[in-house]
N, C-alpha and C. Protein backbone atom coordinates (compact mmCIF):
# COMPACT_ATOMS: atom_id res chain seq x y z
N MET A 1 -86.76 -56.74 -39.00
CA MET A 1 -85.52 -57.55 -39.69
C MET A 1 -84.31 -57.03 -39.11
N TYR A 2 -83.51 -58.18 -38.86
CA TYR A 2 -82.30 -58.12 -38.30
C TYR A 2 -81.10 -57.46 -39.43
N LYS A 3 -79.95 -56.96 -38.91
CA LYS A 3 -79.24 -56.22 -39.80
C LYS A 3 -78.04 -57.56 -39.48
N ILE A 4 -77.03 -57.54 -40.87
CA ILE A 4 -75.88 -58.41 -40.67
C ILE A 4 -74.93 -57.75 -40.87
N ALA A 5 -73.87 -57.98 -40.39
CA ALA A 5 -72.38 -57.50 -40.01
C ALA A 5 -71.08 -58.45 -40.55
N VAL A 6 -70.10 -57.77 -40.75
CA VAL A 6 -68.88 -58.63 -40.82
C VAL A 6 -67.57 -57.76 -40.19
N ILE A 7 -66.88 -58.66 -39.49
CA ILE A 7 -65.63 -57.79 -38.65
C ILE A 7 -64.55 -58.32 -39.06
N GLY A 8 -63.42 -57.70 -39.52
CA GLY A 8 -62.24 -58.26 -40.02
C GLY A 8 -61.15 -57.18 -40.58
N ASP A 9 -60.17 -57.79 -41.11
CA ASP A 9 -59.36 -56.76 -41.55
C ASP A 9 -59.90 -56.32 -42.69
N LYS A 10 -59.26 -55.14 -43.28
CA LYS A 10 -59.93 -54.28 -44.50
C LYS A 10 -60.17 -55.35 -45.68
N ASP A 11 -58.80 -56.24 -45.78
CA ASP A 11 -58.58 -56.76 -47.19
C ASP A 11 -59.68 -57.96 -47.29
N SER A 12 -59.95 -58.42 -46.02
CA SER A 12 -60.69 -59.70 -45.92
C SER A 12 -62.49 -59.14 -45.98
N VAL A 13 -62.79 -58.43 -45.74
CA VAL A 13 -64.31 -58.05 -45.30
C VAL A 13 -64.59 -56.97 -46.45
N LEU A 14 -63.88 -56.01 -47.13
CA LEU A 14 -64.39 -55.00 -48.05
C LEU A 14 -65.15 -55.68 -49.07
N ALA A 15 -65.12 -56.82 -49.48
CA ALA A 15 -66.06 -57.34 -50.53
C ALA A 15 -67.26 -57.52 -50.09
N PHE A 16 -67.47 -57.63 -48.88
CA PHE A 16 -69.06 -57.94 -48.34
C PHE A 16 -69.78 -56.77 -48.62
N ARG A 17 -69.09 -55.45 -48.64
CA ARG A 17 -70.04 -54.34 -48.76
C ARG A 17 -70.94 -54.35 -50.02
N ALA A 18 -70.58 -55.09 -50.89
CA ALA A 18 -70.89 -55.04 -52.16
C ALA A 18 -72.12 -55.91 -51.97
N LEU A 19 -72.34 -56.79 -51.06
CA LEU A 19 -73.54 -57.50 -50.89
C LEU A 19 -74.61 -57.01 -49.98
N GLY A 20 -74.20 -55.83 -49.59
CA GLY A 20 -75.37 -54.85 -48.57
C GLY A 20 -74.92 -55.28 -47.06
N VAL A 21 -73.91 -56.05 -46.70
CA VAL A 21 -73.54 -56.41 -45.38
C VAL A 21 -72.74 -55.22 -44.77
N HIS A 22 -73.10 -54.54 -43.68
CA HIS A 22 -72.53 -53.83 -42.89
C HIS A 22 -70.90 -53.91 -42.77
N VAL A 23 -69.86 -53.48 -43.12
CA VAL A 23 -68.55 -53.65 -42.85
C VAL A 23 -67.65 -52.92 -41.74
N PHE A 24 -67.01 -53.59 -40.92
CA PHE A 24 -66.48 -52.92 -39.73
C PHE A 24 -65.01 -53.45 -39.60
N THR A 25 -64.14 -52.72 -39.66
CA THR A 25 -62.59 -53.34 -39.71
C THR A 25 -61.81 -53.34 -38.33
N ALA A 26 -61.23 -54.09 -38.23
CA ALA A 26 -60.61 -54.43 -36.75
C ALA A 26 -59.26 -54.83 -36.96
N ILE A 27 -58.26 -54.48 -36.33
CA ILE A 27 -56.79 -55.04 -36.48
C ILE A 27 -56.46 -55.91 -35.49
N GLU A 28 -57.21 -55.62 -34.03
CA GLU A 28 -56.69 -56.35 -32.78
C GLU A 28 -57.99 -57.02 -32.40
N GLY A 29 -58.10 -58.18 -31.33
CA GLY A 29 -58.97 -58.55 -30.47
C GLY A 29 -59.81 -57.51 -29.73
N ASN A 30 -59.10 -56.45 -29.11
CA ASN A 30 -59.90 -55.54 -28.26
C ASN A 30 -60.82 -54.77 -29.15
N ASP A 31 -60.31 -54.57 -30.32
CA ASP A 31 -61.43 -53.75 -31.60
C ASP A 31 -62.48 -54.51 -31.75
N ALA A 32 -62.22 -55.71 -31.79
CA ALA A 32 -63.22 -56.77 -32.31
C ALA A 32 -64.26 -56.72 -31.33
N ARG A 33 -63.83 -56.88 -29.88
CA ARG A 33 -64.56 -57.23 -28.80
C ARG A 33 -65.63 -56.06 -28.65
N ARG A 34 -65.03 -54.98 -28.83
CA ARG A 34 -65.98 -53.60 -28.71
C ARG A 34 -66.68 -53.67 -29.78
N ILE A 35 -66.62 -53.73 -30.90
CA ILE A 35 -67.63 -53.77 -32.22
C ILE A 35 -68.67 -54.64 -31.77
N ILE A 36 -68.01 -56.07 -31.56
CA ILE A 36 -69.12 -57.07 -31.41
C ILE A 36 -70.24 -56.47 -30.41
N ASP A 37 -69.64 -56.03 -29.08
CA ASP A 37 -70.52 -55.68 -28.24
C ASP A 37 -71.70 -54.59 -28.63
N LYS A 38 -71.05 -53.62 -29.46
CA LYS A 38 -71.88 -52.60 -29.76
C LYS A 38 -72.96 -53.07 -30.90
N LEU A 39 -72.30 -54.07 -31.84
CA LEU A 39 -73.43 -54.30 -32.66
C LEU A 39 -74.65 -55.10 -32.02
N ALA A 40 -74.25 -56.00 -30.80
CA ALA A 40 -75.23 -56.81 -30.21
C ALA A 40 -76.12 -55.98 -29.62
N LYS A 41 -75.81 -54.67 -28.99
CA LYS A 41 -76.72 -53.82 -28.58
C LYS A 41 -77.52 -53.12 -29.57
N GLU A 42 -77.05 -52.93 -30.87
CA GLU A 42 -77.82 -52.37 -31.76
C GLU A 42 -78.69 -53.31 -32.75
N GLY A 43 -78.61 -54.41 -32.17
CA GLY A 43 -79.91 -55.46 -32.81
C GLY A 43 -79.33 -56.21 -34.09
N TYR A 44 -78.11 -56.16 -34.25
CA TYR A 44 -77.76 -56.88 -35.73
C TYR A 44 -78.02 -58.60 -35.12
N GLY A 45 -78.38 -59.02 -36.07
CA GLY A 45 -78.89 -60.74 -36.20
C GLY A 45 -77.63 -61.71 -36.24
N ILE A 46 -76.89 -61.20 -37.10
CA ILE A 46 -75.88 -62.08 -37.53
C ILE A 46 -74.87 -61.30 -37.50
N ILE A 47 -73.36 -61.78 -37.11
CA ILE A 47 -71.91 -60.96 -37.04
C ILE A 47 -71.41 -62.14 -37.67
N TYR A 48 -70.47 -61.99 -38.72
CA TYR A 48 -69.45 -62.42 -39.21
C TYR A 48 -67.97 -61.98 -38.70
N ILE A 49 -67.26 -62.63 -38.26
CA ILE A 49 -66.21 -62.30 -37.80
C ILE A 49 -64.92 -63.30 -38.32
N THR A 50 -63.91 -62.73 -38.72
CA THR A 50 -62.63 -63.40 -39.11
C THR A 50 -62.13 -64.49 -38.09
N GLU A 51 -61.61 -65.62 -38.54
CA GLU A 51 -60.97 -66.57 -37.57
C GLU A 51 -59.80 -66.05 -36.86
N GLN A 52 -58.82 -65.06 -37.50
CA GLN A 52 -57.86 -64.81 -36.94
C GLN A 52 -58.30 -63.58 -35.84
N LEU A 53 -59.17 -62.97 -35.97
CA LEU A 53 -59.48 -61.73 -34.59
C LEU A 53 -60.13 -62.77 -33.80
N ALA A 54 -61.12 -63.80 -34.09
CA ALA A 54 -61.66 -64.59 -33.21
C ALA A 54 -60.91 -65.28 -32.12
N LYS A 55 -59.78 -65.84 -32.85
CA LYS A 55 -58.85 -66.69 -32.02
C LYS A 55 -58.35 -65.90 -30.90
N ASP A 56 -58.28 -64.31 -30.81
CA ASP A 56 -58.06 -63.32 -29.79
C ASP A 56 -59.04 -63.20 -28.54
N ILE A 57 -60.23 -63.26 -29.07
CA ILE A 57 -61.46 -63.26 -28.15
C ILE A 57 -62.36 -64.33 -27.62
N PRO A 58 -61.85 -65.50 -27.43
CA PRO A 58 -62.75 -66.64 -27.47
C PRO A 58 -63.75 -66.55 -26.40
N GLU A 59 -63.36 -65.65 -25.34
CA GLU A 59 -64.61 -65.56 -24.32
C GLU A 59 -65.74 -64.95 -24.74
N THR A 60 -65.38 -63.84 -25.71
CA THR A 60 -66.54 -63.17 -26.05
C THR A 60 -67.29 -63.77 -27.04
N ILE A 61 -66.58 -64.61 -28.03
CA ILE A 61 -67.34 -65.71 -29.08
C ILE A 61 -68.10 -66.73 -28.07
N GLN A 62 -67.64 -67.15 -26.90
CA GLN A 62 -68.51 -68.09 -26.32
C GLN A 62 -69.63 -67.58 -25.71
N ARG A 63 -69.40 -66.22 -25.17
CA ARG A 63 -70.46 -65.64 -24.59
C ARG A 63 -71.86 -65.36 -25.68
N TYR A 64 -71.36 -65.00 -26.86
CA TYR A 64 -72.59 -64.82 -27.84
C TYR A 64 -72.97 -66.12 -28.17
N ASN A 65 -72.18 -67.27 -28.34
CA ASN A 65 -72.61 -68.36 -28.70
C ASN A 65 -73.65 -69.09 -27.75
N ASN A 66 -73.64 -68.81 -26.54
CA ASN A 66 -74.76 -69.04 -25.60
C ASN A 66 -76.09 -68.32 -25.64
N GLU A 67 -76.18 -67.14 -26.67
CA GLU A 67 -77.20 -66.63 -26.83
C GLU A 67 -77.91 -66.74 -28.37
N VAL A 68 -79.28 -66.61 -28.32
CA VAL A 68 -79.71 -66.72 -29.63
C VAL A 68 -79.49 -65.68 -30.73
N ILE A 69 -79.39 -64.49 -30.13
CA ILE A 69 -79.20 -63.52 -31.19
C ILE A 69 -78.16 -62.51 -30.00
N PRO A 70 -77.05 -62.13 -30.99
CA PRO A 70 -76.75 -62.42 -32.48
C PRO A 70 -76.06 -63.68 -32.42
N ALA A 71 -76.16 -64.19 -33.71
CA ALA A 71 -75.30 -65.21 -34.03
C ALA A 71 -74.02 -64.75 -34.50
N VAL A 72 -72.65 -65.10 -34.09
CA VAL A 72 -71.53 -64.97 -34.38
C VAL A 72 -70.86 -65.98 -35.13
N ILE A 73 -70.64 -65.70 -36.26
CA ILE A 73 -70.11 -66.85 -37.27
C ILE A 73 -68.78 -66.54 -37.62
N LEU A 74 -67.87 -67.50 -37.56
CA LEU A 74 -66.45 -67.33 -37.85
C LEU A 74 -66.02 -67.77 -39.11
N ILE A 75 -65.43 -66.97 -39.83
CA ILE A 75 -65.04 -67.08 -41.44
C ILE A 75 -63.72 -66.82 -41.62
N PRO A 76 -62.99 -67.59 -42.81
CA PRO A 76 -61.67 -67.36 -42.85
C PRO A 76 -61.46 -65.93 -43.52
N SER A 77 -60.11 -65.50 -43.22
CA SER A 77 -59.75 -64.27 -43.87
C SER A 77 -59.13 -64.52 -44.88
N ASN A 78 -58.58 -63.40 -45.64
CA ASN A 78 -57.97 -63.58 -46.87
C ASN A 78 -56.50 -64.21 -47.03
N ARG A 79 -56.02 -64.39 -45.80
CA ARG A 79 -54.85 -65.35 -45.58
C ARG A 79 -55.14 -66.83 -45.27
N GLY A 80 -56.35 -67.25 -45.30
CA GLY A 80 -56.75 -68.79 -45.21
C GLY A 80 -57.43 -69.02 -44.08
N SER A 81 -57.86 -70.32 -43.82
CA SER A 81 -58.51 -70.57 -42.67
C SER A 81 -57.74 -71.17 -41.63
N LEU A 82 -58.24 -71.22 -40.30
CA LEU A 82 -57.55 -71.65 -39.03
C LEU A 82 -58.25 -72.92 -38.50
N ASN A 83 -59.45 -73.22 -39.12
CA ASN A 83 -60.45 -74.34 -39.07
C ASN A 83 -61.00 -74.11 -37.75
N ILE A 84 -61.03 -73.04 -37.05
CA ILE A 84 -61.76 -72.47 -35.68
C ILE A 84 -63.15 -72.78 -35.92
N GLY A 85 -63.59 -72.05 -37.15
CA GLY A 85 -65.17 -72.08 -37.70
C GLY A 85 -65.82 -73.60 -38.04
N LEU A 86 -64.92 -74.28 -38.53
CA LEU A 86 -65.10 -75.57 -38.87
C LEU A 86 -65.29 -76.54 -37.70
N GLU A 87 -64.29 -76.39 -36.77
CA GLU A 87 -64.39 -77.07 -35.48
C GLU A 87 -65.86 -76.56 -34.91
N ASN A 88 -66.02 -75.50 -34.63
CA ASN A 88 -67.40 -75.04 -34.05
C ASN A 88 -68.88 -75.84 -34.56
N ILE A 89 -68.76 -75.81 -36.10
CA ILE A 89 -69.71 -76.40 -36.75
C ILE A 89 -69.63 -77.78 -36.32
N ASN A 90 -68.63 -78.69 -36.25
CA ASN A 90 -68.47 -79.97 -35.81
C ASN A 90 -69.16 -80.39 -34.45
N LYS A 91 -68.70 -79.31 -33.29
CA LYS A 91 -69.12 -79.50 -32.14
C LYS A 91 -70.67 -79.35 -32.25
N ASN A 92 -71.19 -78.30 -32.60
CA ASN A 92 -72.61 -78.01 -32.70
C ASN A 92 -73.44 -79.22 -33.49
N VAL A 93 -72.92 -79.86 -34.50
CA VAL A 93 -73.68 -80.85 -34.94
C VAL A 93 -73.59 -82.04 -34.20
N GLU A 94 -72.52 -82.39 -33.41
CA GLU A 94 -72.27 -83.35 -32.43
C GLU A 94 -73.26 -83.31 -31.20
N LYS A 95 -73.22 -82.02 -30.78
CA LYS A 95 -74.27 -81.74 -30.01
C LYS A 95 -75.75 -82.02 -30.14
N ALA A 96 -76.20 -81.76 -31.52
CA ALA A 96 -77.59 -81.81 -31.66
C ALA A 96 -77.90 -83.05 -32.22
N VAL A 97 -76.69 -84.15 -32.99
CA VAL A 97 -77.28 -85.19 -33.27
C VAL A 97 -76.94 -86.39 -32.42
N GLY A 98 -76.03 -86.04 -31.75
CA GLY A 98 -75.29 -86.98 -30.58
C GLY A 98 -73.89 -87.68 -31.21
N SER A 99 -73.71 -87.48 -32.27
CA SER A 99 -72.20 -87.98 -32.84
C SER A 99 -71.87 -86.96 -34.10
N ASN A 100 -70.81 -87.26 -34.26
CA ASN A 100 -69.98 -86.30 -35.51
C ASN A 100 -70.47 -87.07 -36.66
N ILE A 101 -71.29 -86.63 -37.42
CA ILE A 101 -71.70 -87.20 -38.60
C ILE A 101 -71.07 -86.46 -39.80
N LEU A 102 -70.14 -85.40 -39.43
CA LEU A 102 -69.28 -84.77 -40.69
C LEU A 102 -68.22 -85.28 -40.74
């Protein structure tokens, strides 16, 4: 069974701990990149990361998007959404269906 983690600023991710998700705090992109690579090696199946951090490490996000495991999923932070995650969903739906149905 795969583990689930969430990466982001403390205020955005601390509540996930109550759900049994492993929580990792990061302040900047380099911290997030290091954590994602470590979690991938440790067998995490799903890694949620806040959009604010993900925008600083697009090459790392893209590298794991090309892999089956782990799934790196962008979520909004407590400051709101940058719509990066929604854009990724739209691209994946368009790739799978052939047109954007959303």
